Amino acid sequence: MKSLIANEITGISKGANGTYSNIACLNPFAAQNWYETTKIDMKAALELEKRIKLFMRRFILPLITKEKYSNPACDRFMAIIGGWADVGPFMRWPYRSIPMELAYKIRPNVEKLIPEFF
């Protein structure tokens, strides 16, 4: 899981300059807004971070650890869930593609958990 959220936003509260996270694949505009929130309301940014971590643990980490999908496949999957880009689910060999149907199945749960990204 560490590689998925290696550059946590909490680093900003410790003096880091800027942030990047795989969460940008879900919605890059929301990820930027999250970063901007750290400048004006760290408490709100940290609360959102907790829900983002829960999203990653609940919906993305099992795809990597149990289902053995690649990180790039999960990035593409998050873009499909977020619906901001028409990237399609298909990965080139040797990577396996995560079925698009799974994105549609979990999207309502993700929308409830982190509505800021929709």
Protein backbone atom coordinates (compact mmCIF):
# COMPACT_ATOMS: atom_id res chain seq x y z
CA MET A 1 0.00 0.00 0.00
CA LYS A 2 2.90 2.34 0.68
CA SER A 3 3.65 2.74 -3.03
CA LEU A 4 0.03 3.73 -3.67
CA ILE A 5 0.10 6.62 -1.24
CA ALA A 6 3.83 7.24 -0.81
CA ASN A 7 3.53 11.02 -1.03
CA GLU A 8 0.69 11.61 1.38
CA ILE A 9 -0.74 15.07 1.69
CA THR A 10 0.16 14.99 5.38
CA GLY A 11 3.72 15.56 4.25
CA ILE A 12 2.72 19.13 3.47
CA SER A 13 1.91 19.71 7.12
CA LYS A 14 5.49 18.62 7.84
CA GLY A 15 7.07 21.04 5.37
CA ALA A 16 6.92 19.16 2.05
CA ASN A 17 6.42 21.32 -1.02
CA GLY A 18 3.70 20.01 -3.33
CA THR A 19 2.11 16.60 -3.59
CA TYR A 20 1.33 13.83 -5.99
CA SER A 21 -0.73 10.74 -5.49
CA ASN A 22 -2.21 8.02 -7.65
CA ILE A 23 -5.53 9.50 -6.57
CA ALA A 24 -5.06 11.96 -9.45
CA CYS A 25 -6.02 9.07 -11.72
CA LEU A 26 -9.48 9.07 -10.15
CA ASN A 27 -9.91 12.79 -10.83
CA PRO A 28 -6.93 15.13 -11.38
CA PHE A 29 -9.05 18.23 -10.81
CA ALA A 30 -10.26 16.97 -7.43
CA ALA A 31 -6.70 15.96 -6.51
CA GLN A 32 -5.58 19.53 -7.26
CA ASN A 33 -8.45 20.91 -5.17
CA TRP A 34 -7.40 18.61 -2.35
CA TYR A 35 -3.89 20.07 -2.53
CA GLU A 36 -5.27 23.61 -2.55
CA THR A 37 -7.33 22.77 0.52
CA THR A 38 -4.13 22.02 2.42
CA LYS A 39 -3.20 25.69 2.08
CA ILE A 40 -6.41 26.99 3.63
CA ASP A 41 -7.90 24.19 5.74
CA MET A 42 -5.49 21.45 6.76
CA LYS A 43 -8.09 19.83 9.02
CA ALA A 44 -10.47 19.34 6.07
CA ALA A 45 -7.61 18.11 3.85
CA LEU A 46 -6.61 15.52 6.44
CA GLU A 47 -10.20 14.36 6.85
CA LEU A 48 -10.43 13.83 3.09
CA GLU A 49 -7.10 12.03 3.17
CA LYS A 50 -8.49 9.51 5.64
CA ARG A 51 -11.34 8.69 3.27
CA ILE A 52 -8.95 8.47 0.32
CA LYS A 53 -6.82 5.98 2.21
CA LEU A 54 -9.93 3.96 2.99
CA PHE A 55 -10.84 3.99 -0.72
CA MET A 56 -7.37 2.76 -1.64
CA ARG A 57 -7.40 0.04 1.04
CA ARG A 58 -10.92 -1.14 0.28
CA PHE A 59 -11.07 -0.96 -3.51
CA ILE A 60 -7.58 -0.69 -5.03
CA LEU A 61 -5.15 -2.55 -2.77
CA PRO A 62 -6.99 -5.91 -3.12
CA LEU A 63 -6.72 -5.62 -6.90
CA ILE A 64 -2.95 -5.40 -6.56
CA THR A 65 -2.30 -7.78 -3.69
CA LYS A 66 -4.97 -10.44 -4.18
CA GLU A 67 -5.89 -10.20 -7.85
CA LYS A 68 -2.32 -9.36 -8.97
CA TYR A 69 -3.27 -6.52 -11.31
CA SER A 70 -0.50 -4.05 -12.14
CA ASN A 71 -0.33 -0.51 -10.82
CA PRO A 72 -0.89 0.88 -14.36
CA ALA A 73 -4.04 -1.25 -14.68
CA CYS A 74 -5.26 0.18 -11.37
CA ASP A 75 -4.50 3.73 -12.52
CA ARG A 76 -6.59 3.14 -15.64
CA PHE A 77 -9.30 1.54 -13.51
CA MET A 78 -9.43 4.62 -11.27
CA ALA A 79 -9.81 6.87 -14.31
CA ILE A 80 -12.75 4.75 -15.41
CA ILE A 81 -14.34 4.97 -11.96
CA GLY A 82 -13.85 8.74 -11.95
CA GLY A 83 -15.32 9.06 -15.42
CA TRP A 84 -13.22 12.10 -16.33
CA ALA A 85 -11.39 10.51 -19.25
CA ASP A 86 -12.47 7.94 -21.83
CA VAL A 87 -9.42 5.71 -21.44
CA GLY A 88 -11.14 2.33 -21.65
CA PRO A 89 -10.09 -0.64 -19.55
CA PHE A 90 -7.75 -2.41 -21.95
CA MET A 91 -4.07 -2.82 -21.15
CA ARG A 92 -1.42 -4.01 -23.57
CA TRP A 93 0.31 -7.31 -23.05
CA PRO A 94 1.79 -8.37 -20.64
CA TYR A 95 -0.65 -6.53 -18.36
CA ARG A 96 -4.12 -7.80 -17.51
CA SER A 97 -7.08 -5.46 -17.79
CA ILE A 98 -9.48 -4.93 -14.90
CA PRO A 99 -13.04 -5.54 -16.13
CA MET A 100 -14.97 -2.35 -16.76
CA GLU A 101 -18.00 -3.91 -15.10
CA LEU A 102 -16.16 -3.83 -11.77
CA ALA A 103 -15.71 -0.07 -12.08
CA TYR A 104 -19.44 0.37 -12.63
CA LYS A 105 -20.17 -1.94 -9.71
CA ILE A 106 -18.03 -0.09 -7.14
CA ARG A 107 -18.52 3.48 -8.42
CA PRO A 108 -21.60 4.18 -6.23
CA ASN A 109 -19.65 3.12 -3.13
CA VAL A 110 -16.70 5.31 -4.08
CA GLU A 111 -19.01 8.27 -4.77
CA LYS A 112 -20.41 7.94 -1.24
CA LEU A 113 -16.98 7.63 0.32
CA ILE A 114 -15.22 10.49 -1.50
CA PRO A 115 -17.89 12.59 -3.25
CA GLU A 116 -15.35 15.39 -3.74
CA PHE A 117 -13.89 13.34 -6.60
CA PHE A 118 -17.16 13.21 -8.58
